[in-house]
N, C-alpha and C. Protein backbone atom coordinates (compact mmCIF):
# COMPACT_ATOMS: atom_id res chain seq x y z
N MET A 1 17.88 -9.84 -7.77
CA MET A 1 18.86 -8.78 -7.91
C MET A 1 18.53 -7.68 -6.89
N SER A 2 19.54 -7.12 -6.27
CA SER A 2 19.37 -6.06 -5.28
C SER A 2 18.93 -4.76 -5.95
N VAL A 3 18.43 -3.84 -5.14
CA VAL A 3 18.06 -2.53 -5.66
C VAL A 3 19.28 -1.85 -6.25
N SER A 4 20.41 -1.92 -5.55
CA SER A 4 21.61 -1.26 -6.06
C SER A 4 22.04 -1.88 -7.40
N GLY A 5 21.85 -3.17 -7.56
CA GLY A 5 22.16 -3.82 -8.83
C GLY A 5 21.26 -3.36 -9.95
N ARG A 6 19.97 -3.21 -9.65
CA ARG A 6 19.01 -2.72 -10.65
C ARG A 6 19.32 -1.29 -11.04
N VAL A 7 19.65 -0.46 -10.03
CA VAL A 7 19.98 0.93 -10.32
C VAL A 7 21.25 1.01 -11.15
N ALA A 8 22.23 0.18 -10.87
CA ALA A 8 23.46 0.16 -11.66
C ALA A 8 23.16 -0.16 -13.12
N ARG A 9 22.25 -1.09 -13.35
CA ARG A 9 21.85 -1.43 -14.73
C ARG A 9 21.16 -0.24 -15.39
N CYS A 10 20.29 0.44 -14.65
CA CYS A 10 19.62 1.62 -15.19
C CYS A 10 20.62 2.72 -15.53
N ALA A 11 21.56 2.94 -14.61
CA ALA A 11 22.58 3.96 -14.84
C ALA A 11 23.42 3.63 -16.08
N ALA A 12 23.77 2.37 -16.21
CA ALA A 12 24.55 1.95 -17.39
C ALA A 12 23.78 2.16 -18.68
N ALA A 13 22.45 2.10 -18.59
CA ALA A 13 21.60 2.30 -19.77
C ALA A 13 21.24 3.77 -19.96
N GLY A 14 21.75 4.65 -19.08
CA GLY A 14 21.48 6.07 -19.22
C GLY A 14 20.10 6.50 -18.77
N LYS A 15 19.50 5.75 -17.85
CA LYS A 15 18.14 6.03 -17.39
C LYS A 15 18.13 6.74 -16.03
N HIS A 16 17.33 7.78 -15.90
CA HIS A 16 17.09 8.41 -14.61
C HIS A 16 16.24 7.44 -13.78
N VAL A 17 16.32 7.55 -12.45
CA VAL A 17 15.64 6.59 -11.57
C VAL A 17 14.85 7.32 -10.49
N LEU A 18 13.65 6.83 -10.25
CA LEU A 18 12.82 7.29 -9.14
C LEU A 18 12.57 6.09 -8.24
N LEU A 19 13.02 6.17 -6.98
CA LEU A 19 12.90 5.06 -6.03
C LEU A 19 11.98 5.42 -4.87
N GLU A 20 11.30 4.43 -4.37
CA GLU A 20 10.58 4.54 -3.10
C GLU A 20 11.59 4.29 -1.99
N LYS A 21 11.49 5.01 -0.87
CA LYS A 21 12.38 4.75 0.26
C LYS A 21 12.11 3.36 0.80
N PRO A 22 13.06 2.66 1.33
CA PRO A 22 14.47 3.03 1.45
C PRO A 22 15.21 2.81 0.13
N LEU A 23 16.35 3.47 0.00
CA LEU A 23 17.15 3.31 -1.22
C LEU A 23 17.60 1.89 -1.43
N ASP A 24 17.97 1.20 -0.37
CA ASP A 24 18.43 -0.18 -0.44
C ASP A 24 18.29 -0.77 0.97
N ALA A 25 18.50 -2.04 1.10
CA ALA A 25 18.35 -2.71 2.40
C ALA A 25 19.50 -2.42 3.36
N THR A 26 20.64 -1.97 2.83
CA THR A 26 21.81 -1.71 3.67
C THR A 26 22.38 -0.33 3.37
N PRO A 27 23.11 0.25 4.31
CA PRO A 27 23.77 1.54 4.04
C PRO A 27 24.75 1.44 2.87
N GLU A 28 25.45 0.32 2.77
CA GLU A 28 26.40 0.14 1.67
C GLU A 28 25.68 0.13 0.33
N GLY A 29 24.54 -0.57 0.28
CA GLY A 29 23.74 -0.61 -0.94
C GLY A 29 23.21 0.76 -1.32
N ALA A 30 22.77 1.53 -0.31
CA ALA A 30 22.28 2.88 -0.56
C ALA A 30 23.39 3.76 -1.12
N ARG A 31 24.59 3.62 -0.56
CA ARG A 31 25.72 4.39 -1.09
C ARG A 31 26.03 3.99 -2.52
N ALA A 32 25.90 2.70 -2.83
CA ALA A 32 26.15 2.22 -4.19
C ALA A 32 25.13 2.80 -5.17
N VAL A 33 23.86 2.92 -4.73
CA VAL A 33 22.81 3.51 -5.55
C VAL A 33 23.18 4.95 -5.91
N VAL A 34 23.53 5.73 -4.89
CA VAL A 34 23.87 7.14 -5.11
C VAL A 34 25.12 7.26 -5.98
N SER A 35 26.12 6.45 -5.71
CA SER A 35 27.37 6.51 -6.48
C SER A 35 27.15 6.17 -7.95
N ALA A 36 26.34 5.15 -8.22
CA ALA A 36 26.09 4.76 -9.61
C ALA A 36 25.42 5.88 -10.38
N MET A 37 24.45 6.54 -9.75
CA MET A 37 23.74 7.61 -10.43
C MET A 37 24.62 8.84 -10.60
N GLU A 38 25.40 9.18 -9.58
CA GLU A 38 26.30 10.33 -9.69
C GLU A 38 27.36 10.09 -10.77
N ALA A 39 27.93 8.89 -10.80
CA ALA A 39 28.97 8.58 -11.78
C ALA A 39 28.44 8.68 -13.21
N ALA A 40 27.17 8.34 -13.39
CA ALA A 40 26.56 8.40 -14.72
C ALA A 40 26.01 9.79 -15.04
N GLY A 41 26.02 10.69 -14.05
CA GLY A 41 25.50 12.04 -14.28
C GLY A 41 23.99 12.06 -14.47
N LEU A 42 23.32 11.14 -13.81
CA LEU A 42 21.86 11.01 -13.95
C LEU A 42 21.15 11.44 -12.68
N THR A 43 19.85 11.64 -12.80
CA THR A 43 19.04 12.08 -11.67
C THR A 43 18.47 10.88 -10.91
N LEU A 44 18.62 10.93 -9.59
CA LEU A 44 18.03 9.94 -8.70
C LEU A 44 17.00 10.66 -7.85
N GLY A 45 15.75 10.23 -7.95
CA GLY A 45 14.68 10.80 -7.14
C GLY A 45 14.26 9.78 -6.10
N VAL A 46 13.89 10.27 -4.93
CA VAL A 46 13.46 9.39 -3.85
C VAL A 46 12.09 9.86 -3.35
N VAL A 47 11.18 8.92 -3.18
CA VAL A 47 9.82 9.22 -2.77
C VAL A 47 9.53 8.52 -1.44
N LEU A 48 8.86 9.23 -0.56
CA LEU A 48 8.37 8.64 0.68
C LEU A 48 6.91 9.02 0.80
N GLN A 49 6.03 8.07 0.64
CA GLN A 49 4.59 8.33 0.67
C GLN A 49 4.08 8.39 2.10
N HIS A 50 3.26 9.37 2.38
CA HIS A 50 2.61 9.49 3.68
C HIS A 50 1.09 9.43 3.55
N ARG A 51 0.59 9.31 2.34
CA ARG A 51 -0.85 9.51 2.14
C ARG A 51 -1.74 8.50 2.85
N PHE A 52 -1.21 7.34 3.25
CA PHE A 52 -2.03 6.35 3.93
C PHE A 52 -1.82 6.32 5.43
N ARG A 53 -1.01 7.25 5.95
CA ARG A 53 -0.82 7.35 7.40
C ARG A 53 -2.09 7.91 8.01
N ALA A 54 -2.43 7.41 9.18
CA ALA A 54 -3.66 7.85 9.85
C ALA A 54 -3.68 9.37 10.05
N SER A 55 -2.55 9.95 10.43
CA SER A 55 -2.52 11.39 10.67
C SER A 55 -2.77 12.17 9.39
N VAL A 56 -2.26 11.71 8.27
CA VAL A 56 -2.45 12.41 7.00
C VAL A 56 -3.89 12.23 6.51
N GLU A 57 -4.44 11.03 6.67
CA GLU A 57 -5.83 10.83 6.29
C GLU A 57 -6.76 11.70 7.12
N ARG A 58 -6.48 11.82 8.40
CA ARG A 58 -7.28 12.68 9.28
C ARG A 58 -7.16 14.14 8.85
N LEU A 59 -5.94 14.59 8.57
CA LEU A 59 -5.73 15.96 8.12
C LEU A 59 -6.48 16.23 6.82
N ALA A 60 -6.43 15.29 5.88
CA ALA A 60 -7.14 15.46 4.62
C ALA A 60 -8.64 15.62 4.86
N GLY A 61 -9.20 14.82 5.76
CA GLY A 61 -10.62 14.93 6.09
C GLY A 61 -10.96 16.27 6.71
N LEU A 62 -10.12 16.72 7.64
CA LEU A 62 -10.34 18.03 8.26
C LEU A 62 -10.28 19.15 7.23
N MET A 63 -9.31 19.05 6.32
CA MET A 63 -9.17 20.07 5.28
C MET A 63 -10.38 20.07 4.35
N ARG A 64 -10.85 18.90 3.94
CA ARG A 64 -12.03 18.83 3.08
C ARG A 64 -13.24 19.46 3.77
N ASP A 65 -13.46 19.11 5.04
CA ASP A 65 -14.58 19.66 5.79
C ASP A 65 -14.48 21.18 5.90
N HIS A 66 -13.29 21.66 6.18
CA HIS A 66 -13.05 23.10 6.34
C HIS A 66 -13.31 23.83 5.02
N LEU A 67 -12.84 23.27 3.92
CA LEU A 67 -13.05 23.90 2.61
C LEU A 67 -14.53 23.89 2.23
N ARG A 68 -15.22 22.80 2.51
CA ARG A 68 -16.67 22.72 2.22
C ARG A 68 -17.45 23.78 3.00
N ALA A 69 -16.95 24.13 4.19
CA ALA A 69 -17.61 25.13 5.02
C ALA A 69 -17.22 26.55 4.60
N GLY A 70 -16.44 26.68 3.53
CA GLY A 70 -16.06 28.00 3.03
C GLY A 70 -14.77 28.54 3.59
N GLY A 71 -14.02 27.72 4.32
CA GLY A 71 -12.76 28.17 4.90
C GLY A 71 -11.62 28.14 3.90
N ALA A 72 -10.53 28.74 4.28
CA ALA A 72 -9.31 28.73 3.48
C ALA A 72 -8.22 28.03 4.28
N ILE A 73 -7.25 27.46 3.58
CA ILE A 73 -6.19 26.71 4.25
C ILE A 73 -4.83 27.13 3.69
N LEU A 74 -3.90 27.36 4.59
CA LEU A 74 -2.51 27.56 4.23
C LEU A 74 -1.74 26.49 4.99
N ALA A 75 -1.04 25.62 4.30
CA ALA A 75 -0.35 24.51 4.96
C ALA A 75 1.09 24.41 4.48
N ALA A 76 1.97 24.00 5.36
CA ALA A 76 3.37 23.76 5.02
C ALA A 76 3.90 22.67 5.94
N THR A 77 4.86 21.92 5.46
CA THR A 77 5.51 20.92 6.30
C THR A 77 7.01 21.17 6.29
N HIS A 78 7.64 20.79 7.33
CA HIS A 78 9.09 20.91 7.46
C HIS A 78 9.60 19.58 7.96
N GLY A 79 9.97 18.70 7.04
CA GLY A 79 10.45 17.39 7.43
C GLY A 79 9.33 16.36 7.44
N PRO A 80 9.60 15.19 7.97
CA PRO A 80 8.62 14.09 7.99
C PRO A 80 7.37 14.46 8.76
N LEU A 81 6.26 13.91 8.32
CA LEU A 81 4.98 14.17 8.99
C LEU A 81 4.78 13.18 10.12
N GLY A 82 5.51 13.33 11.18
CA GLY A 82 5.39 12.44 12.32
C GLY A 82 4.31 12.94 13.27
N LEU A 83 3.12 13.20 12.74
CA LEU A 83 2.05 13.76 13.53
C LEU A 83 1.10 12.70 14.02
N ASP A 84 0.53 12.93 15.17
CA ASP A 84 -0.54 12.11 15.70
C ASP A 84 -1.85 12.76 15.26
N ALA A 85 -2.80 12.00 14.78
CA ALA A 85 -4.06 12.55 14.27
C ALA A 85 -4.77 13.39 15.32
N ARG A 86 -4.58 13.10 16.60
CA ARG A 86 -5.24 13.89 17.66
C ARG A 86 -4.65 15.28 17.79
N GLU A 87 -3.44 15.51 17.21
CA GLU A 87 -2.79 16.81 17.31
C GLU A 87 -3.22 17.77 16.21
N LEU A 88 -3.95 17.29 15.22
CA LEU A 88 -4.28 18.11 14.07
C LEU A 88 -5.50 18.98 14.35
N ARG A 89 -5.36 20.27 14.12
CA ARG A 89 -6.45 21.22 14.31
C ARG A 89 -6.41 22.22 13.15
N ILE A 90 -7.58 22.64 12.73
CA ILE A 90 -7.67 23.70 11.74
C ILE A 90 -8.49 24.82 12.35
N GLY A 91 -7.93 26.00 12.39
CA GLY A 91 -8.59 27.13 13.01
C GLY A 91 -9.65 27.75 12.10
N PRO A 92 -10.35 28.75 12.63
CA PRO A 92 -11.39 29.42 11.87
C PRO A 92 -10.84 30.16 10.66
């Protein structure tokens, strides 16, 4: 059964859904996922994990080292983390 088919069954059962990206294998399927949830008045959540990307693992290591040395960190992201690990720096 397709993702959109599974989501339609969940929507019919009144269940909120949390999906990992992509929503479906095709744009049509993704639209069907959104439509089914909207029609049922339910919440559709979408998750995209970055925690195993080399750049994120490198950043986590730099942050841990910085915190262990007594530093403070203020971090924010705007959109996907398309970073190269060599670009990551933490200042004093």
